[in-house]
Amino acid sequence: MVSCIPFTPASGPRIFGLDAAIKKNIVSQIEVLAYQNKMSSSHILFFDQSEQNAYLDAKWMLREGVQFKWLNKNYKNFEEFLFQLSHDKRKKIKQERKKIQDLGLKIKKIKGPEIDESNLDFFYTCYCNTYREHHSHPYLTRNFFSFIRESMPENILLILAYEGDTPVAGSFFIHDDKNLYGRYWGSKSFYPGLHFELSYYQGQEFCIENEIATFEGGAQGEHKLARGFEPFNTFSFHRVFDEKFEQAIKDFLKREKNGIDQYTNELNERVPYKLT
């Protein structure tokens, strides 16, 4: 049994209740339901850290991971953000963005209500290209993107790059008033630095322009550090009903936790911001 947002490695509430006692009872009932139905285990993924106390009294095993987020520290504009970076990282970002200008590419941010079917047709082609390049199969259908645009248009952002009047690449984002989530990217052909422009820098600009506090760039990617993202821990809880298997996993998680802590410390030493 798994509690999560499908296909989305974004942290948030997973247990809904009026108070901590109700949440703990829900967690207990999840355990009972899984056991009664002879399930091997239960898993609650990417939950908000504030929910952690709801799990601590049960035999749930905590697993931590690392993701990269960009924090909007009340920047007035992109230049003010760049000014907070070390000289070499600031220079690198400026060079990457200049490459896009030199290529003559134009970037357009399209908010949900303004996205039309031709925009989605093009982006879906790019989305599928990304999966093919990784020898994988795209799991979302073309209809999904139309559905999500129709059902929650105020929470959708599509950023497209154009060569002349022809779109050549795109990135798809979901957002609310506090968070921007980078989800999908793709292009018809290779342009140096375009992935960073569409997936990171344009998203950061959008956060600044709309006073959005946090930009979650998705799973993995130490290269995000050099572009202003910082490491944050993610949390999941796991309940395994076979006692021997449970003990083996506990032993592994203890060893893994030491590695995650060391990895996080190493990443924090490499954040690109000026020392204060």
Protein backbone atom coordinates (compact mmCIF):
# COMPACT_ATOMS: atom_id res chain seq x y z
CA MET A 1 0.00 0.00 0.00
CA VAL A 2 1.44 3.36 -1.05
CA SER A 3 0.37 6.90 -0.18
CA CYS A 4 1.86 9.47 -2.56
CA ILE A 5 1.14 11.92 -5.36
CA PRO A 6 1.45 9.85 -8.56
CA PHE A 7 4.55 10.50 -10.66
CA THR A 8 5.44 13.54 -8.54
CA PRO A 9 8.38 13.62 -6.08
CA ALA A 10 7.03 16.68 -4.25
CA SER A 11 6.66 16.85 -0.47
CA GLY A 12 3.34 17.74 1.12
CA PRO A 13 0.56 16.58 3.46
CA ARG A 14 -0.31 12.90 3.24
CA ILE A 15 -2.50 12.37 6.31
CA PHE A 16 -5.52 14.64 6.74
CA GLY A 17 -7.11 15.12 10.16
CA LEU A 18 -8.19 17.85 12.56
CA ASP A 19 -5.47 17.13 15.11
CA ALA A 20 -2.48 14.91 15.87
CA ALA A 21 -4.60 12.26 17.62
CA ILE A 22 -6.80 11.77 14.56
CA LYS A 23 -3.75 11.57 12.30
CA LYS A 24 -2.18 8.92 14.51
CA ASN A 25 -5.40 6.93 14.41
CA ILE A 26 -5.46 7.15 10.60
CA VAL A 27 -1.89 5.85 10.46
CA SER A 28 -2.86 2.95 12.75
CA GLN A 29 -5.81 2.10 10.50
CA ILE A 30 -3.57 2.12 7.43
CA GLU A 31 -1.42 -0.46 9.17
CA VAL A 32 -4.44 -2.58 10.13
CA LEU A 33 -5.90 -2.43 6.62
CA ALA A 34 -2.64 -3.46 4.98
CA TYR A 35 -2.11 -6.32 7.44
CA GLN A 36 -5.68 -7.62 7.10
CA ASN A 37 -5.35 -7.68 3.33
CA LYS A 38 -2.05 -9.59 3.58
CA MET A 39 0.00 -6.80 2.05
CA SER A 40 3.74 -7.06 2.56
CA SER A 41 4.19 -3.42 3.52
CA SER A 42 2.84 0.13 3.61
CA HIS A 43 4.66 3.23 2.39
CA ILE A 44 3.99 6.96 2.83
CA LEU A 45 6.20 8.96 0.49
CA PHE A 46 7.39 12.57 0.46
CA PHE A 47 5.33 13.66 3.44
CA ASP A 48 5.68 17.06 5.03
CA GLN A 49 8.12 17.02 7.95
CA SER A 50 5.50 18.63 10.20
CA GLU A 51 3.56 15.35 10.00
CA GLN A 52 6.41 13.27 11.36
CA ASN A 53 5.03 12.97 14.90
CA ALA A 54 1.96 11.21 13.52
CA TYR A 55 4.14 8.19 12.70
CA LEU A 56 6.61 7.97 15.56
CA ASP A 57 4.57 5.78 17.91
CA ALA A 58 4.05 3.07 15.30
CA LYS A 59 6.58 0.70 13.78
CA TRP A 60 7.18 2.89 10.78
CA MET A 61 10.75 3.22 9.53
CA LEU A 62 11.96 6.65 8.47
CA ARG A 63 13.92 7.02 5.27
CA GLU A 64 15.54 10.29 4.22
CA GLY A 65 16.61 11.50 0.82
CA VAL A 66 17.90 14.70 -0.77
CA GLN A 67 16.28 17.07 -3.25
CA PHE A 68 17.26 20.50 -4.51
CA LYS A 69 15.14 23.61 -4.02
CA TRP A 70 15.63 27.26 -4.88
CA LEU A 71 14.53 29.80 -2.28
CA ASN A 72 13.29 33.21 -3.30
CA LYS A 73 14.83 35.47 -0.66
CA ASN A 74 12.59 38.41 -1.54
CA TYR A 75 14.65 39.21 -4.62
CA LYS A 76 13.49 42.25 -6.58
CA ASN A 77 14.85 40.87 -9.85
CA PHE A 78 17.12 38.18 -11.28
CA GLU A 79 20.19 40.40 -11.04
CA GLU A 80 19.69 40.74 -7.29
CA PHE A 81 19.64 36.95 -7.02
CA LEU A 82 22.84 36.70 -9.08
CA PHE A 83 24.53 39.22 -6.81
CA GLN A 84 24.17 36.78 -3.90
CA LEU A 85 26.20 34.11 -5.71
CA SER A 86 29.94 33.66 -5.70
CA HIS A 87 31.74 35.38 -8.57
CA ASP A 88 32.46 32.23 -10.59
CA LYS A 89 28.89 30.91 -10.36
CA ARG A 90 27.44 34.31 -11.23
CA LYS A 91 29.75 34.54 -14.24
CA LYS A 92 28.80 31.03 -15.41
CA ILE A 93 25.08 31.75 -15.30
CA LYS A 94 25.51 34.98 -17.24
CA GLN A 95 27.54 33.13 -19.86
CA GLU A 96 24.90 30.41 -20.17
CA ARG A 97 22.11 32.95 -20.60
CA LYS A 98 24.13 34.91 -23.14
CA LYS A 99 24.44 31.77 -25.27
CA ILE A 100 20.66 31.74 -25.62
CA GLN A 101 20.65 35.38 -26.70
CA ASP A 102 23.45 34.74 -29.19
CA LEU A 103 21.45 31.87 -30.69
CA GLY A 104 18.63 34.32 -31.32
CA LEU A 105 16.14 32.23 -29.37
CA LYS A 106 13.10 33.94 -27.90
CA ILE A 107 11.56 32.73 -24.64
CA LYS A 108 7.86 33.00 -23.88
CA LYS A 109 6.13 32.28 -20.56
CA ILE A 110 2.56 31.12 -21.19
CA LYS A 111 0.19 30.93 -18.23
CA GLY A 112 -2.50 28.28 -18.08
CA PRO A 113 -5.49 30.27 -19.41
CA GLU A 114 -3.40 31.38 -22.41
CA ILE A 115 -2.13 27.90 -23.34
CA ASP A 116 -3.80 26.58 -26.48
CA GLU A 117 -3.97 23.13 -28.04
CA SER A 118 -1.14 23.85 -30.48
CA ASN A 119 1.12 24.74 -27.55
CA LEU A 120 0.27 21.45 -25.87
CA ASP A 121 0.68 19.48 -29.10
CA PHE A 122 4.19 20.85 -29.47
CA PHE A 123 5.12 20.36 -25.84
CA TYR A 124 3.87 16.78 -25.83
CA THR A 125 6.17 16.01 -28.75
CA CYS A 126 9.07 17.40 -26.69
CA TYR A 127 7.93 15.47 -23.62
CA CYS A 128 7.95 12.21 -25.59
CA ASN A 129 11.36 13.02 -27.08
CA THR A 130 12.86 13.26 -23.60
CA TYR A 131 11.67 9.76 -22.73
CA ARG A 132 12.88 8.31 -26.01
CA GLU A 133 16.33 9.79 -25.43
CA HIS A 134 16.45 7.86 -22.15
CA HIS A 135 15.08 4.68 -23.75
CA SER A 136 11.92 4.94 -21.69
CA HIS A 137 8.18 5.21 -22.32
CA PRO A 138 6.21 8.41 -21.56
CA TYR A 139 3.62 7.58 -18.91
CA LEU A 140 1.35 10.62 -19.35
CA THR A 141 -1.00 10.88 -22.32
CA ARG A 142 -1.61 13.88 -24.52
CA ASN A 143 -5.14 14.10 -23.06
CA PHE A 144 -3.68 14.46 -19.57
CA PHE A 145 -2.16 17.82 -20.43
CA SER A 146 -5.45 19.10 -21.88
CA PHE A 147 -7.29 17.86 -18.80
CA ILE A 148 -4.95 19.53 -16.34
CA ARG A 149 -5.05 22.79 -18.27
CA GLU A 150 -8.86 22.74 -18.23
CA SER A 151 -9.22 21.65 -14.60
CA MET A 152 -6.58 23.88 -12.95
CA PRO A 153 -5.50 26.56 -15.47
CA GLU A 154 -4.41 29.06 -12.82
CA ASN A 155 -1.78 26.59 -11.61
CA ILE A 156 -0.11 25.79 -14.93
CA LEU A 157 2.89 27.45 -16.58
CA LEU A 158 4.36 26.50 -19.95
CA ILE A 159 7.64 28.07 -21.07
CA LEU A 160 8.53 27.75 -24.75
CA ALA A 161 11.65 28.67 -26.71
CA TYR A 162 11.24 29.90 -30.29
CA GLU A 163 13.60 30.09 -33.22
CA GLY A 164 11.89 32.75 -35.27
CA ASP A 165 8.21 31.83 -35.11
CA THR A 166 8.89 28.12 -34.67
CA PRO A 167 8.85 26.55 -31.18
CA VAL A 168 11.91 24.39 -30.50
CA ALA A 169 11.74 23.44 -26.79
CA GLY A 170 9.54 23.68 -23.73
CA SER A 171 9.23 23.21 -19.98
CA PHE A 172 6.05 22.47 -18.04
CA PHE A 173 5.49 23.71 -14.48
CA ILE A 174 2.79 23.53 -11.82
CA HIS A 175 2.51 26.18 -9.11
CA ASP A 176 0.46 27.69 -6.34
CA ASP A 177 0.98 30.94 -4.43
CA LYS A 178 3.98 29.58 -2.51
CA ASN A 179 5.63 26.89 -4.62
CA LEU A 180 6.70 26.33 -8.21
CA TYR A 181 7.25 22.74 -9.28
CA GLY A 182 9.38 22.02 -12.33
CA ARG A 183 7.98 18.87 -13.90
CA TYR A 184 8.82 18.19 -17.54
CA TRP A 185 11.21 19.39 -20.21
CA GLY A 186 11.95 18.51 -23.81
CA SER A 187 13.27 19.87 -27.11
CA LYS A 188 13.24 19.03 -30.80
CA SER A 189 17.01 19.39 -31.10
CA PHE A 190 20.04 20.34 -29.01
CA TYR A 191 20.79 23.97 -28.14
CA PRO A 192 23.67 24.65 -25.70
CA GLY A 193 22.38 25.83 -22.32
CA LEU A 194 18.71 25.81 -23.30
CA HIS A 195 17.77 23.18 -20.72
CA PHE A 196 19.16 25.38 -17.94
CA GLU A 197 17.39 28.45 -19.32
CA LEU A 198 13.94 26.87 -19.61
CA SER A 199 14.06 24.55 -16.61
CA TYR A 200 15.84 26.76 -14.06
CA TYR A 201 16.48 30.42 -14.89
CA GLN A 202 13.05 31.14 -16.35
CA GLY A 203 11.46 29.38 -13.37
CA GLN A 204 13.50 31.49 -10.97
CA GLU A 205 12.45 34.64 -12.81
CA PHE A 206 8.81 33.56 -12.61
CA CYS A 207 9.11 33.07 -8.84
CA ILE A 208 10.64 36.53 -8.42
CA GLU A 209 8.01 38.18 -10.62
CA ASN A 210 5.15 36.47 -8.77
CA GLU A 211 6.60 36.46 -5.23
CA ILE A 212 6.64 32.67 -5.08
CA ALA A 213 8.81 31.51 -2.19
CA THR A 214 10.10 28.10 -3.29
CA PHE A 215 11.03 26.48 -6.58
CA GLU A 216 11.28 22.68 -6.50
CA GLY A 217 13.30 21.60 -9.51
CA GLY A 218 12.48 17.89 -9.28
CA ALA A 219 14.48 14.84 -8.27
CA GLN A 220 18.24 14.42 -8.60
CA GLY A 221 20.69 16.79 -10.22
CA GLU A 222 23.75 18.04 -8.35
CA HIS A 223 24.25 20.43 -11.28
CA LYS A 224 21.39 22.45 -9.78
CA LEU A 225 23.73 23.57 -6.99
CA ALA A 226 25.70 25.76 -9.40
CA ARG A 227 22.43 27.44 -10.41
CA GLY A 228 21.35 28.55 -6.97
CA PHE A 229 19.48 25.49 -5.73
CA GLU A 230 20.17 24.17 -2.22
CA PRO A 231 19.90 20.64 -0.75
CA PHE A 232 16.93 19.73 1.44
CA ASN A 233 16.01 16.44 3.04
CA THR A 234 12.93 14.51 1.98
CA PHE A 235 11.13 12.02 4.20
CA SER A 236 9.20 8.80 3.77
CA PHE A 237 7.89 6.20 6.22
CA HIS A 238 7.74 2.47 5.65
CA ARG A 239 6.00 -0.33 7.55
CA VAL A 240 7.13 -3.90 6.77
CA PHE A 241 5.20 -6.78 8.34
CA ASP A 242 7.74 -9.60 8.02
CA GLU A 243 9.86 -9.22 11.17
CA LYS A 244 13.07 -10.62 9.67
CA PHE A 245 12.75 -8.50 6.55
CA GLU A 246 11.86 -5.51 8.72
CA GLN A 247 15.07 -5.91 10.72
CA ALA A 248 17.19 -6.20 7.57
CA ILE A 249 15.69 -2.97 6.23
CA LYS A 250 16.22 -1.21 9.56
CA ASP A 251 19.89 -2.15 9.47
CA PHE A 252 20.20 -0.85 5.91
CA LEU A 253 18.44 2.43 6.73
CA LYS A 254 20.83 3.09 9.61
CA ARG A 255 23.80 2.73 7.28
CA GLU A 256 22.10 4.73 4.55
CA LYS A 257 21.26 7.54 7.01
CA ASN A 258 24.95 8.00 7.77
CA GLY A 259 25.66 8.26 4.06
CA ILE A 260 22.81 10.73 3.48
CA ASP A 261 24.02 12.94 6.34
CA GLN A 262 27.54 12.95 4.94
CA TYR A 263 26.26 13.65 1.42
CA THR A 264 24.07 16.53 2.64
CA ASN A 265 26.98 18.08 4.54
CA GLU A 266 29.18 17.85 1.45
CA LEU A 267 26.48 19.50 -0.67
CA ASN A 268 26.02 22.31 1.86
CA GLU A 269 29.72 23.04 1.63
CA ARG A 270 29.30 23.55 -2.12
CA VAL A 271 26.29 25.89 -2.17
CA PRO A 272 27.11 28.76 -4.54
CA TYR A 273 26.18 31.67 -2.30
CA LYS A 274 28.63 34.18 -0.88
CA LEU A 275 29.89 33.50 2.61
CA THR A 276 28.38 35.84 5.19
